[in-house]
Amino acid sequence: MAVTREQQQAGTLDIIDCGLADYSEILSEQHELCSKRRLGQIGDTVLVVEHKPVITLGARQSANKVVLDKDELAGKGIDVVEIRRGGGTTAHNPGQLVFYPIVNLKELHLGISDYIRTLEQTGIELLADLEVIAGRYKGYPGLWAGGKKIASVGVRVSKSIAYHGMAININNDLGIFDYIVPCGLDDVKMTSVLAETGRQASMEQAKESLKKLLQKFLG
């Protein structure tokens, strides 16, 4: 695989730190890993990454709401990518921690709803490690802190193999969300660990906490 990264073996779970990478490159890698996982050539694997500025459009067309057109966004250095995960529009940029588990849900004995709750619980405990209290709103996937959205989740499952995953706002510039209607929900305000605590969090600390939680919940 082309992405430069550190790989950590954690039982049957491989956690791969992809650093800062283009969204399209990581999407291609997810597809490659999905094929290998489906064939049993690899075990469950998680890609951990920060993305260069990008807006992604989900499978639910009614939830894909972008304020600017592609040319205007390109002028601001923001790419736009259409994908087939659940949910609507979201945005990624440096300082946001994203993780993509490529896992066999049948082997983990998890249904899709239970799996999404597992991802959310991972995020809740990670944010608690960073001194932010976050929780769920019934009917709205993702995590919320003080009435504002701090993490987005969107997955796709094909023949028991799940991919895509979760994005948690740590230190990222929240201005990118001004160009979209997050997940198609009007009047949603976005927040981050930085906005909630007033302090820059260590991304390395956040990654270490994430790795331990991934081993706990998916290892």
N, C-alpha and C. Protein backbone atom coordinates (compact mmCIF):
# COMPACT_ATOMS: atom_id res chain seq x y z
N MET A 1 0.84 -1.19 0.00
CA MET A 1 0.00 0.00 0.00
C MET A 1 0.88 1.24 0.00
N ALA A 2 0.39 2.27 -0.64
CA ALA A 2 1.26 3.42 -0.91
C ALA A 2 1.42 4.37 0.27
N VAL A 3 0.46 4.35 1.21
CA VAL A 3 0.47 5.35 2.27
C VAL A 3 1.59 5.06 3.27
N THR A 4 2.38 6.08 3.59
CA THR A 4 3.41 5.94 4.61
C THR A 4 2.74 5.92 5.97
N ARG A 5 3.11 4.97 6.83
CA ARG A 5 2.44 4.86 8.11
C ARG A 5 3.23 3.98 9.05
N GLU A 6 2.82 4.04 10.31
CA GLU A 6 3.31 3.10 11.29
C GLU A 6 2.23 2.06 11.48
N GLN A 7 2.60 0.81 11.62
CA GLN A 7 1.62 -0.25 11.81
C GLN A 7 1.85 -0.89 13.17
N GLN A 8 0.78 -1.09 13.92
CA GLN A 8 0.85 -1.68 15.24
C GLN A 8 0.01 -2.94 15.26
N GLN A 9 0.60 -4.04 15.69
CA GLN A 9 -0.15 -5.28 15.81
C GLN A 9 -0.78 -5.33 17.20
N ALA A 10 -2.07 -5.49 17.28
CA ALA A 10 -2.77 -5.53 18.56
C ALA A 10 -3.68 -6.76 18.58
N GLY A 11 -3.13 -7.90 18.93
CA GLY A 11 -3.90 -9.13 18.87
C GLY A 11 -4.23 -9.42 17.42
N THR A 12 -5.53 -9.55 17.12
CA THR A 12 -5.94 -9.78 15.74
C THR A 12 -6.29 -8.47 15.04
N LEU A 13 -6.07 -7.33 15.71
CA LEU A 13 -6.46 -6.04 15.16
C LEU A 13 -5.21 -5.25 14.76
N ASP A 14 -5.09 -4.92 13.50
CA ASP A 14 -4.01 -4.07 13.01
C ASP A 14 -4.48 -2.62 13.03
N ILE A 15 -3.72 -1.76 13.68
CA ILE A 15 -4.03 -0.33 13.72
C ILE A 15 -2.95 0.40 12.94
N ILE A 16 -3.34 1.08 11.87
CA ILE A 16 -2.39 1.68 10.95
C ILE A 16 -2.54 3.20 11.01
N ASP A 17 -1.47 3.89 11.38
CA ASP A 17 -1.47 5.35 11.43
C ASP A 17 -1.03 5.88 10.07
N CYS A 18 -1.96 6.49 9.36
CA CYS A 18 -1.69 6.97 8.00
C CYS A 18 -1.23 8.43 7.98
N GLY A 19 -1.10 9.07 9.15
CA GLY A 19 -0.66 10.45 9.20
C GLY A 19 -1.67 11.39 8.56
N LEU A 20 -1.16 12.39 7.81
CA LEU A 20 -2.02 13.33 7.08
C LEU A 20 -2.10 12.85 5.64
N ALA A 21 -3.31 12.63 5.14
CA ALA A 21 -3.45 12.02 3.81
C ALA A 21 -4.68 12.54 3.09
N ASP A 22 -4.64 12.49 1.75
CA ASP A 22 -5.79 12.83 0.92
C ASP A 22 -6.92 11.84 1.18
N TYR A 23 -8.13 12.34 1.17
CA TYR A 23 -9.29 11.47 1.40
C TYR A 23 -9.38 10.37 0.34
N SER A 24 -9.22 10.74 -0.92
CA SER A 24 -9.39 9.77 -2.01
C SER A 24 -8.39 8.62 -1.90
N GLU A 25 -7.18 8.94 -1.47
CA GLU A 25 -6.16 7.90 -1.32
C GLU A 25 -6.56 6.90 -0.23
N ILE A 26 -7.07 7.42 0.88
CA ILE A 26 -7.48 6.54 1.97
C ILE A 26 -8.74 5.76 1.59
N LEU A 27 -9.64 6.36 0.81
CA LEU A 27 -10.82 5.64 0.35
C LEU A 27 -10.41 4.46 -0.51
N SER A 28 -9.45 4.66 -1.41
CA SER A 28 -8.96 3.55 -2.24
C SER A 28 -8.35 2.46 -1.39
N GLU A 29 -7.63 2.86 -0.35
CA GLU A 29 -7.02 1.86 0.53
C GLU A 29 -8.08 1.08 1.29
N GLN A 30 -9.13 1.78 1.70
CA GLN A 30 -10.23 1.06 2.37
C GLN A 30 -10.82 -0.01 1.45
N HIS A 31 -11.04 0.34 0.19
CA HIS A 31 -11.62 -0.62 -0.74
C HIS A 31 -10.71 -1.83 -0.92
N GLU A 32 -9.41 -1.58 -0.99
CA GLU A 32 -8.45 -2.68 -1.14
C GLU A 32 -8.47 -3.58 0.09
N LEU A 33 -8.48 -2.96 1.27
CA LEU A 33 -8.50 -3.73 2.51
C LEU A 33 -9.80 -4.50 2.67
N CYS A 34 -10.92 -3.91 2.23
CA CYS A 34 -12.21 -4.61 2.30
C CYS A 34 -12.17 -5.90 1.48
N SER A 35 -11.62 -5.81 0.28
CA SER A 35 -11.53 -7.00 -0.58
C SER A 35 -10.68 -8.07 0.08
N LYS A 36 -9.56 -7.67 0.66
CA LYS A 36 -8.67 -8.64 1.33
C LYS A 36 -9.33 -9.22 2.58
N ARG A 37 -10.05 -8.38 3.32
CA ARG A 37 -10.71 -8.88 4.54
C ARG A 37 -11.80 -9.87 4.17
N ARG A 38 -12.53 -9.58 3.10
CA ARG A 38 -13.62 -10.46 2.67
C ARG A 38 -13.08 -11.83 2.28
N LEU A 39 -11.88 -11.84 1.69
CA LEU A 39 -11.25 -13.09 1.26
C LEU A 39 -10.47 -13.78 2.38
N GLY A 40 -10.43 -13.15 3.54
CA GLY A 40 -9.71 -13.73 4.66
C GLY A 40 -8.19 -13.60 4.56
N GLN A 41 -7.72 -12.69 3.70
CA GLN A 41 -6.28 -12.52 3.52
C GLN A 41 -5.66 -11.67 4.61
N ILE A 42 -6.48 -10.87 5.31
CA ILE A 42 -6.02 -10.05 6.43
C ILE A 42 -7.04 -10.16 7.55
N GLY A 43 -6.63 -9.74 8.75
CA GLY A 43 -7.56 -9.66 9.86
C GLY A 43 -8.21 -8.29 9.91
N ASP A 44 -8.98 -8.07 10.96
CA ASP A 44 -9.60 -6.76 11.14
C ASP A 44 -8.52 -5.68 11.23
N THR A 45 -8.78 -4.55 10.59
CA THR A 45 -7.77 -3.50 10.43
C THR A 45 -8.44 -2.15 10.64
N VAL A 46 -7.72 -1.22 11.25
CA VAL A 46 -8.24 0.15 11.43
C VAL A 46 -7.23 1.14 10.88
N LEU A 47 -7.69 2.02 10.00
CA LEU A 47 -6.88 3.13 9.52
C LEU A 47 -7.18 4.35 10.38
N VAL A 48 -6.13 4.98 10.90
CA VAL A 48 -6.25 6.21 11.68
C VAL A 48 -5.59 7.32 10.88
N VAL A 49 -6.29 8.45 10.70
CA VAL A 49 -5.79 9.44 9.75
C VAL A 49 -6.29 10.84 10.10
N GLU A 50 -5.54 11.85 9.67
CA GLU A 50 -6.03 13.21 9.56
C GLU A 50 -6.10 13.51 8.06
N HIS A 51 -7.18 14.15 7.64
CA HIS A 51 -7.36 14.41 6.21
C HIS A 51 -7.00 15.86 5.85
N LYS A 52 -6.50 16.01 4.63
CA LYS A 52 -6.42 17.34 4.05
C LYS A 52 -7.86 17.83 3.81
N PRO A 53 -8.10 19.15 3.71
CA PRO A 53 -9.48 19.66 3.66
C PRO A 53 -10.31 19.01 2.55
N VAL A 54 -11.46 18.46 2.95
CA VAL A 54 -12.33 17.76 2.01
C VAL A 54 -13.75 17.78 2.55
N ILE A 55 -14.71 17.84 1.63
CA ILE A 55 -16.12 17.67 1.96
C ILE A 55 -16.58 16.39 1.29
N THR A 56 -17.25 15.52 2.04
CA THR A 56 -17.71 14.25 1.49
C THR A 56 -19.23 14.21 1.48
N LEU A 57 -19.78 13.63 0.43
CA LEU A 57 -21.22 13.51 0.24
C LEU A 57 -21.61 12.05 0.41
N GLY A 58 -22.55 11.77 1.32
CA GLY A 58 -22.94 10.40 1.62
C GLY A 58 -23.99 9.86 0.67
N ALA A 59 -24.46 8.65 0.99
CA ALA A 59 -25.41 7.95 0.12
C ALA A 59 -26.81 8.55 0.19
N ARG A 60 -27.13 9.22 1.31
CA ARG A 60 -28.47 9.80 1.48
C ARG A 60 -28.50 11.16 0.82
N GLN A 61 -28.98 11.22 -0.43
CA GLN A 61 -28.90 12.43 -1.24
C GLN A 61 -29.61 13.62 -0.59
N SER A 62 -30.73 13.36 0.10
CA SER A 62 -31.48 14.45 0.72
C SER A 62 -30.69 15.13 1.83
N ALA A 63 -29.67 14.44 2.35
CA ALA A 63 -28.87 14.99 3.45
C ALA A 63 -27.57 15.63 2.95
N ASN A 64 -27.39 15.64 1.63
CA ASN A 64 -26.18 16.24 1.05
C ASN A 64 -26.45 17.71 0.73
N LYS A 65 -26.09 18.59 1.64
CA LYS A 65 -26.34 20.01 1.48
C LYS A 65 -25.03 20.78 1.59
N VAL A 66 -24.65 21.41 0.47
CA VAL A 66 -23.40 22.18 0.41
C VAL A 66 -23.74 23.61 0.06
N VAL A 67 -23.14 24.56 0.77
CA VAL A 67 -23.46 25.98 0.59
C VAL A 67 -22.79 26.55 -0.66
N LEU A 68 -21.56 26.11 -0.96
CA LEU A 68 -20.82 26.59 -2.12
C LEU A 68 -20.71 25.49 -3.16
N ASP A 69 -20.50 25.87 -4.44
CA ASP A 69 -20.32 24.85 -5.46
C ASP A 69 -18.87 24.36 -5.47
N LYS A 70 -18.64 23.31 -6.27
CA LYS A 70 -17.32 22.67 -6.26
C LYS A 70 -16.20 23.61 -6.65
N ASP A 71 -16.46 24.48 -7.63
CA ASP A 71 -15.41 25.41 -8.08
C ASP A 71 -15.05 26.39 -6.97
N GLU A 72 -16.06 26.88 -6.27
CA GLU A 72 -15.79 27.81 -5.17
C GLU A 72 -15.02 27.12 -4.05
N LEU A 73 -15.39 25.89 -3.77
CA LEU A 73 -14.69 25.14 -2.73
C LEU A 73 -13.25 24.84 -3.16
N ALA A 74 -13.08 24.50 -4.44
CA ALA A 74 -11.72 24.24 -4.95
C ALA A 74 -10.84 25.47 -4.79
N GLY A 75 -11.44 26.65 -4.99
CA GLY A 75 -10.70 27.89 -4.83
C GLY A 75 -10.25 28.12 -3.40
N LYS A 76 -10.91 27.46 -2.46
CA LYS A 76 -10.54 27.55 -1.05
C LYS A 76 -9.66 26.37 -0.62
N GLY A 77 -9.27 25.55 -1.61
CA GLY A 77 -8.41 24.41 -1.31
C GLY A 77 -9.13 23.23 -0.70
N ILE A 78 -10.45 23.14 -0.94
CA ILE A 78 -11.26 22.07 -0.37
C ILE A 78 -11.76 21.15 -1.48
N ASP A 79 -11.43 19.88 -1.40
CA ASP A 79 -11.89 18.89 -2.37
C ASP A 79 -13.32 18.46 -2.02
N VAL A 80 -14.03 17.91 -3.00
CA VAL A 80 -15.36 17.35 -2.77
C VAL A 80 -15.37 15.93 -3.33
N VAL A 81 -15.80 14.96 -2.50
CA VAL A 81 -15.80 13.56 -2.91
C VAL A 81 -17.15 12.94 -2.60
N GLU A 82 -17.73 12.26 -3.59
CA GLU A 82 -18.98 11.53 -3.39
C GLU A 82 -18.65 10.10 -3.01
N ILE A 83 -19.27 9.60 -1.93
CA ILE A 83 -18.99 8.25 -1.46
C ILE A 83 -20.30 7.54 -1.15
N ARG A 84 -20.22 6.27 -0.72
CA ARG A 84 -21.42 5.47 -0.54
C ARG A 84 -21.65 5.05 0.90
N ARG A 85 -21.03 5.78 1.84
CA ARG A 85 -21.30 5.47 3.25
C ARG A 85 -22.67 6.03 3.62
N GLY A 86 -23.16 5.62 4.80
CA GLY A 86 -24.41 6.15 5.30
C GLY A 86 -24.27 7.61 5.69
N GLY A 87 -25.42 8.29 5.81
CA GLY A 87 -25.41 9.68 6.25
C GLY A 87 -25.29 10.65 5.10
N GLY A 88 -25.14 11.93 5.45
CA GLY A 88 -25.07 12.98 4.45
C GLY A 88 -23.73 13.65 4.43
N THR A 89 -23.74 14.96 4.19
CA THR A 89 -22.51 15.72 4.01
C THR A 89 -21.74 15.86 5.32
N THR A 90 -20.44 15.67 5.23
CA THR A 90 -19.57 16.00 6.35
C THR A 90 -18.27 16.57 5.81
N ALA A 91 -17.42 17.01 6.72
CA ALA A 91 -16.17 17.66 6.31
C ALA A 91 -15.02 17.16 7.18
N HIS A 92 -13.84 17.13 6.58
CA HIS A 92 -12.63 16.71 7.28
C HIS A 92 -11.52 17.72 7.00
N ASN A 93 -10.66 17.91 7.99
CA ASN A 93 -9.47 18.75 7.81
C ASN A 93 -8.47 18.43 8.91
N PRO A 94 -7.24 18.92 8.79
CA PRO A 94 -6.22 18.60 9.80
C PRO A 94 -6.65 19.02 11.20
N GLY A 95 -6.30 18.18 12.17
CA GLY A 95 -6.71 18.43 13.55
C GLY A 95 -7.97 17.67 13.93
N GLN A 96 -8.58 17.02 12.96
CA GLN A 96 -9.72 16.13 13.21
C GLN A 96 -9.18 14.70 13.17
N LEU A 97 -9.54 13.90 14.16
CA LEU A 97 -9.06 12.52 14.24
C LEU A 97 -10.11 11.61 13.62
N VAL A 98 -9.72 10.88 12.58
CA VAL A 98 -10.64 10.01 11.85
C VAL A 98 -10.14 8.58 11.95
N PHE A 99 -11.07 7.65 12.15
CA PHE A 99 -10.67 6.24 12.14
C PHE A 99 -11.66 5.41 11.35
N TYR A 100 -11.11 4.52 10.54
CA TYR A 100 -11.87 3.67 9.63
C TYR A 100 -11.61 2.20 9.94
N PRO A 101 -12.46 1.56 10.73
CA PRO A 101 -12.31 0.12 10.94
C PRO A 101 -12.79 -0.66 9.72
N ILE A 102 -11.98 -1.58 9.27
CA ILE A 102 -12.40 -2.54 8.23
C ILE A 102 -12.50 -3.87 8.96
N VAL A 103 -13.73 -4.21 9.35
CA VAL A 103 -13.93 -5.33 10.27
C VAL A 103 -15.06 -6.23 9.78
N ASN A 104 -14.98 -7.49 10.20
CA ASN A 104 -16.00 -8.47 9.87
C ASN A 104 -17.03 -8.49 11.00
N LEU A 105 -18.20 -7.90 10.75
CA LEU A 105 -19.21 -7.79 11.80
C LEU A 105 -19.75 -9.15 12.23
N LYS A 106 -19.81 -10.08 11.29
CA LYS A 106 -20.30 -11.42 11.64
C LYS A 106 -19.38 -12.07 12.65
N GLU A 107 -18.07 -11.95 12.44
CA GLU A 107 -17.11 -12.54 13.37
C GLU A 107 -17.11 -11.82 14.71
N LEU A 108 -17.44 -10.52 14.69
CA LEU A 108 -17.52 -9.75 15.94
C LEU A 108 -18.87 -9.92 16.64
N HIS A 109 -19.80 -10.63 15.98
CA HIS A 109 -21.15 -10.85 16.52
C HIS A 109 -21.87 -9.52 16.78
N LEU A 110 -21.74 -8.61 15.82
CA LEU A 110 -22.37 -7.30 15.94
C LEU A 110 -23.29 -7.03 14.76
N GLY A 111 -24.50 -6.57 15.05
CA GLY A 111 -25.36 -6.03 14.01
C GLY A 111 -24.91 -4.60 13.70
N ILE A 112 -25.49 -4.02 12.66
CA ILE A 112 -25.06 -2.67 12.25
C ILE A 112 -25.32 -1.65 13.35
N SER A 113 -26.51 -1.69 13.95
CA SER A 113 -26.83 -0.73 15.00
C SER A 113 -25.89 -0.87 16.20
N ASP A 114 -25.64 -2.12 16.60
CA ASP A 114 -24.72 -2.34 17.71
C ASP A 114 -23.31 -1.86 17.36
N TYR A 115 -22.92 -2.05 16.12
CA TYR A 115 -21.59 -1.62 15.69
C TYR A 115 -21.47 -0.10 15.76
N ILE A 116 -22.49 0.61 15.28
CA ILE A 116 -22.46 2.07 15.33
C ILE A 116 -22.39 2.54 16.79
N ARG A 117 -23.14 1.88 17.67
CA ARG A 117 -23.07 2.24 19.09
C ARG A 117 -21.68 1.97 19.65
N THR A 118 -21.01 0.93 19.15
CA THR A 118 -19.64 0.64 19.59
C THR A 118 -18.70 1.75 19.17
N LEU A 119 -18.84 2.22 17.93
CA LEU A 119 -18.02 3.35 17.47
C LEU A 119 -18.29 4.58 18.32
N GLU A 120 -19.56 4.84 18.59
CA GLU A 120 -19.91 6.01 19.39
C GLU A 120 -19.34 5.89 20.81
N GLN A 121 -19.39 4.69 21.39
CA GLN A 121 -18.84 4.52 22.73
C GLN A 121 -17.33 4.73 22.74
N THR A 122 -16.68 4.30 21.68
CA THR A 122 -15.24 4.55 21.53
C THR A 122 -14.98 6.05 21.56
N GLY A 123 -15.79 6.81 20.82
CA GLY A 123 -15.64 8.26 20.79
C GLY A 123 -15.94 8.91 22.13
N ILE A 124 -16.98 8.43 22.81
CA ILE A 124 -17.33 8.99 24.12
C ILE A 124 -16.17 8.84 25.10
N GLU A 125 -15.57 7.65 25.11
CA GLU A 125 -14.48 7.41 26.06
C GLU A 125 -13.20 8.14 25.66
N LEU A 126 -12.96 8.27 24.36
CA LEU A 126 -11.81 9.05 23.90
C LEU A 126 -11.96 10.51 24.31
N LEU A 127 -13.14 11.07 24.09
CA LEU A 127 -13.37 12.47 24.46
C LEU A 127 -13.28 12.67 25.97
N ALA A 128 -13.74 11.69 26.74
CA ALA A 128 -13.61 11.79 28.20
C ALA A 128 -12.14 11.85 28.60
N ASP A 129 -11.29 11.09 27.90
CA ASP A 129 -9.84 11.15 28.16
C ASP A 129 -9.29 12.54 27.89
N LEU A 130 -9.96 13.28 26.98
CA LEU A 130 -9.54 14.64 26.63
C LEU A 130 -10.35 15.70 27.37
N GLU A 131 -11.07 15.26 28.43
CA GLU A 131 -11.80 16.16 29.34
C GLU A 131 -13.01 16.84 28.69
N VAL A 132 -13.64 16.11 27.76
CA VAL A 132 -14.89 16.59 27.16
C VAL A 132 -15.97 15.53 27.39
N ILE A 133 -17.10 15.97 27.94
CA ILE A 133 -18.24 15.07 28.16
C ILE A 133 -19.11 15.10 26.90
N ALA A 134 -19.27 13.95 26.27
CA ALA A 134 -20.06 13.85 25.04
C ALA A 134 -21.05 12.71 25.18
N GLY A 135 -22.11 12.78 24.39
CA GLY A 135 -23.12 11.73 24.42
C GLY A 135 -23.88 11.66 23.11
N ARG A 136 -24.90 10.80 23.10
CA ARG A 136 -25.70 10.57 21.91
C ARG A 136 -27.00 11.36 21.98
N TYR A 137 -27.56 11.67 20.81
CA TYR A 137 -28.93 12.13 20.70
C TYR A 137 -29.68 11.04 19.95
N LYS A 138 -30.78 10.57 20.53
CA LYS A 138 -31.53 9.47 19.91
C LYS A 138 -31.97 9.85 18.50
N GLY A 139 -31.69 8.96 17.57
CA GLY A 139 -32.09 9.18 16.18
C GLY A 139 -31.09 9.95 15.35
N TYR A 140 -30.01 10.43 15.99
CA TYR A 140 -29.00 11.19 15.27
C TYR A 140 -27.62 10.58 15.52
N PRO A 141 -27.12 9.76 14.60
CA PRO A 141 -25.81 9.14 14.79
C PRO A 141 -24.73 10.20 14.98
N GLY A 142 -23.72 9.84 15.76
CA GLY A 142 -22.65 10.78 16.06
C GLY A 142 -22.67 11.15 17.52
N LEU A 143 -21.84 12.11 17.90
CA LEU A 143 -21.73 12.51 19.30
C LEU A 143 -21.91 14.02 19.44
N TRP A 144 -22.41 14.42 20.60
CA TRP A 144 -22.75 15.81 20.87
C TRP A 144 -22.17 16.21 22.22
N ALA A 145 -21.73 17.46 22.30
CA ALA A 145 -21.20 18.02 23.54
C ALA A 145 -21.82 19.39 23.75
N GLY A 146 -22.53 19.56 24.84
CA GLY A 146 -23.16 20.85 25.11
C GLY A 146 -24.12 21.29 24.04
N GLY A 147 -24.83 20.35 23.43
CA GLY A 147 -25.79 20.67 22.37
C GLY A 147 -25.19 20.90 21.01
N LYS A 148 -23.87 20.76 20.88
CA LYS A 148 -23.19 20.92 19.60
C LYS A 148 -22.59 19.58 19.16
N LYS A 149 -22.49 19.40 17.86
CA LYS A 149 -21.97 18.13 17.34
C LYS A 149 -20.45 18.14 17.34
N ILE A 150 -19.86 17.10 17.91
CA ILE A 150 -18.41 17.02 18.01
C ILE A 150 -17.84 15.84 17.22
N ALA A 151 -18.68 14.88 16.85
CA ALA A 151 -18.19 13.71 16.10
C ALA A 151 -19.28 13.21 15.16
N SER A 152 -18.86 12.77 13.99
CA SER A 152 -19.78 12.23 12.98
C SER A 152 -19.43 10.77 12.71
N VAL A 153 -20.44 9.98 12.45
CA VAL A 153 -20.23 8.57 12.14
C VAL A 153 -21.02 8.21 10.89
N GLY A 154 -20.39 7.43 10.03
CA GLY A 154 -21.06 6.95 8.83
C GLY A 154 -20.37 5.68 8.37
N VAL A 155 -21.13 4.61 8.17
CA VAL A 155 -20.52 3.34 7.80
C VAL A 155 -21.24 2.75 6.59
N ARG A 156 -20.55 1.83 5.97
CA ARG A 156 -21.14 1.02 4.91
C ARG A 156 -20.76 -0.41 5.19
N VAL A 157 -21.69 -1.34 4.94
CA VAL A 157 -21.43 -2.76 5.18
C VAL A 157 -21.71 -3.51 3.89
N SER A 158 -20.75 -4.33 3.47
CA SER A 158 -20.89 -5.15 2.27
C SER A 158 -20.44 -6.57 2.59
N LYS A 159 -21.36 -7.52 2.51
CA LYS A 159 -21.06 -8.92 2.79
C LYS A 159 -20.37 -9.09 4.14
N SER A 160 -20.95 -8.45 5.15
CA SER A 160 -20.51 -8.51 6.55
C SER A 160 -19.26 -7.69 6.85
N ILE A 161 -18.64 -7.08 5.84
CA ILE A 161 -17.45 -6.27 6.08
C ILE A 161 -17.85 -4.80 6.17
N ALA A 162 -17.55 -4.19 7.32
CA ALA A 162 -17.85 -2.77 7.53
C ALA A 162 -16.64 -1.92 7.19
N TYR A 163 -16.88 -0.75 6.62
CA TYR A 163 -15.81 0.21 6.41
C TYR A 163 -16.39 1.62 6.53
N HIS A 164 -15.58 2.65 6.23
CA HIS A 164 -15.82 4.02 6.67
C HIS A 164 -15.80 4.02 8.20
N GLY A 165 -16.28 5.06 8.88
CA GLY A 165 -16.13 5.06 10.32
C GLY A 165 -16.52 6.35 10.99
N MET A 166 -15.59 6.93 11.76
CA MET A 166 -15.94 8.05 12.63
C MET A 166 -14.90 9.16 12.56
N ALA A 167 -15.37 10.40 12.65
CA ALA A 167 -14.50 11.58 12.66
C ALA A 167 -14.78 12.38 13.91
N ILE A 168 -13.74 12.70 14.68
CA ILE A 168 -13.88 13.41 15.94
C ILE A 168 -13.11 14.72 15.86
N ASN A 169 -13.79 15.82 16.13
CA ASN A 169 -13.15 17.13 16.05
C ASN A 169 -12.28 17.36 17.29
N ILE A 170 -10.99 17.48 17.07
CA ILE A 170 -10.05 17.70 18.18
C ILE A 170 -9.59 19.16 18.17
N ASN A 171 -8.68 19.49 17.25
CA ASN A 171 -8.14 20.86 17.16
C ASN A 171 -8.43 21.52 15.82
N ASN A 172 -9.28 20.91 15.00
CA ASN A 172 -9.44 21.38 13.62
C ASN A 172 -10.18 22.72 13.53
N ASP A 173 -9.94 23.41 12.41
CA ASP A 173 -10.61 24.67 12.11
C ASP A 173 -12.07 24.37 11.77
N LEU A 174 -12.99 24.80 12.61
CA LEU A 174 -14.41 24.51 12.41
C LEU A 174 -15.03 25.33 11.29
N GLY A 175 -14.29 26.29 10.75
CA GLY A 175 -14.80 27.12 9.67
C GLY A 175 -15.21 26.33 8.44
N ILE A 176 -14.61 25.16 8.24
CA ILE A 176 -14.94 24.34 7.07
C ILE A 176 -16.41 23.92 7.10
N PHE A 177 -16.99 23.81 8.30
CA PHE A 177 -18.38 23.39 8.41
C PHE A 177 -19.36 24.49 8.01
N ASP A 178 -18.86 25.73 7.85
CA ASP A 178 -19.72 26.82 7.39
C ASP A 178 -20.14 26.61 5.94
N TYR A 179 -19.43 25.75 5.22
CA TYR A 179 -19.71 25.54 3.79
C TYR A 179 -20.68 24.39 3.55
N ILE A 180 -21.13 23.73 4.62
CA ILE A 180 -22.06 22.61 4.46
C ILE A 180 -23.17 22.72 5.51
N VAL A 181 -24.20 21.88 5.33
CA VAL A 181 -25.18 21.63 6.38
C VAL A 181 -24.84 20.25 6.93
N PRO A 182 -24.15 20.18 8.07
CA PRO A 182 -23.62 18.89 8.55
C PRO A 182 -24.69 17.81 8.64
N CYS A 183 -24.45 16.71 7.90
CA CYS A 183 -25.35 15.55 7.89
C CYS A 183 -26.78 15.92 7.50
N GLY A 184 -26.94 17.08 6.84
CA GLY A 184 -28.25 17.51 6.38
C GLY A 184 -29.15 18.05 7.48
N LEU A 185 -28.59 18.28 8.67
CA LEU A 185 -29.39 18.76 9.80
C LEU A 185 -29.27 20.27 9.92
N ASP A 186 -30.35 20.96 9.70
CA ASP A 186 -30.34 22.43 9.78
C ASP A 186 -30.07 22.88 11.22
N ASP A 187 -29.40 24.02 11.34
CA ASP A 187 -29.15 24.66 12.64
C ASP A 187 -28.22 23.88 13.55
N VAL A 188 -27.48 22.92 13.01
CA VAL A 188 -26.51 22.20 13.83
C VAL A 188 -25.27 23.07 14.00
N LYS A 189 -24.82 23.19 15.22
CA LYS A 189 -23.57 23.87 15.52
C LYS A 189 -22.50 22.82 15.77
N MET A 190 -21.32 23.04 15.21
CA MET A 190 -20.22 22.10 15.41
C MET A 190 -19.30 22.60 16.51
N THR A 191 -18.65 21.67 17.19
CA THR A 191 -17.68 22.03 18.21
C THR A 191 -16.50 21.08 18.13
N SER A 192 -15.52 21.30 19.00
CA SER A 192 -14.30 20.48 19.02
C SER A 192 -13.77 20.44 20.44
N VAL A 193 -12.78 19.60 20.67
CA VAL A 193 -12.13 19.57 21.98
C VAL A 193 -11.52 20.94 22.29
N LEU A 194 -10.89 21.55 21.28
CA LEU A 194 -10.30 22.88 21.47
C LEU A 194 -11.36 23.90 21.87
N ALA A 195 -12.49 23.90 21.17
CA ALA A 195 -13.55 24.87 21.46
C ALA A 195 -14.16 24.64 22.83
N GLU A 196 -14.27 23.37 23.24
CA GLU A 196 -14.91 23.06 24.52
C GLU A 196 -13.99 23.32 25.71
N THR A 197 -12.69 23.10 25.54
CA THR A 197 -11.77 23.19 26.67
C THR A 197 -10.91 24.45 26.64
N GLY A 198 -10.80 25.07 25.45
CA GLY A 198 -9.92 26.22 25.31
C GLY A 198 -8.45 25.87 25.25
N ARG A 199 -8.17 24.57 25.09
CA ARG A 199 -6.78 24.11 25.05
C ARG A 199 -6.53 23.23 23.85
N GLN A 200 -5.35 23.38 23.25
CA GLN A 200 -4.93 22.46 22.18
C GLN A 200 -4.67 21.09 22.80
N ALA A 201 -5.33 20.08 22.28
CA ALA A 201 -5.08 18.72 22.75
C ALA A 201 -3.93 18.11 21.95
N SER A 202 -3.21 17.22 22.56
CA SER A 202 -2.14 16.50 21.87
C SER A 202 -2.75 15.45 20.96
N MET A 203 -2.49 15.56 19.65
CA MET A 203 -3.01 14.54 18.73
C MET A 203 -2.36 13.19 19.00
N GLU A 204 -1.10 13.20 19.43
CA GLU A 204 -0.44 11.93 19.74
C GLU A 204 -1.11 11.26 20.94
N GLN A 205 -1.46 12.07 21.95
CA GLN A 205 -2.17 11.52 23.10
C GLN A 205 -3.53 10.97 22.67
N ALA A 206 -4.22 11.73 21.82
CA ALA A 206 -5.53 11.28 21.34
C ALA A 206 -5.40 9.97 20.57
N LYS A 207 -4.37 9.85 19.75
CA LYS A 207 -4.17 8.61 18.99
C LYS A 207 -3.87 7.43 19.90
N GLU A 208 -3.05 7.67 20.92
CA GLU A 208 -2.73 6.58 21.86
C GLU A 208 -3.98 6.13 22.60
N SER A 209 -4.80 7.07 23.04
CA SER A 209 -6.06 6.72 23.70
C SER A 209 -6.96 5.94 22.76
N LEU A 210 -7.03 6.40 21.50
CA LEU A 210 -7.86 5.73 20.50
C LEU A 210 -7.40 4.30 20.29
N LYS A 211 -6.11 4.08 20.16
CA LYS A 211 -5.60 2.72 19.93
C LYS A 211 -5.99 1.78 21.07
N LYS A 212 -5.89 2.26 22.31
CA LYS A 212 -6.27 1.42 23.45
C LYS A 212 -7.76 1.10 23.42
N LEU A 213 -8.58 2.09 23.07
CA LEU A 213 -10.03 1.87 23.03
C LEU A 213 -10.41 0.96 21.87
N LEU A 214 -9.74 1.07 20.74
CA LEU A 214 -10.02 0.17 19.62
C LEU A 214 -9.70 -1.27 19.99
N GLN A 215 -8.60 -1.46 20.72
CA GLN A 215 -8.26 -2.81 21.19
C GLN A 215 -9.33 -3.33 22.16
N LYS A 216 -9.83 -2.42 23.00
CA LYS A 216 -10.85 -2.79 23.99
C LYS A 216 -12.15 -3.21 23.32
N PHE A 217 -12.59 -2.45 22.33
CA PHE A 217 -13.91 -2.69 21.75
C PHE A 217 -13.90 -3.59 20.51
N LEU A 218 -12.81 -3.59 19.75
CA LEU A 218 -12.80 -4.33 18.49
C LEU A 218 -11.70 -5.38 18.42
N GLY A 219 -10.78 -5.38 19.38
CA GLY A 219 -9.64 -6.31 19.36
C GLY A 219 -10.07 -7.75 19.55
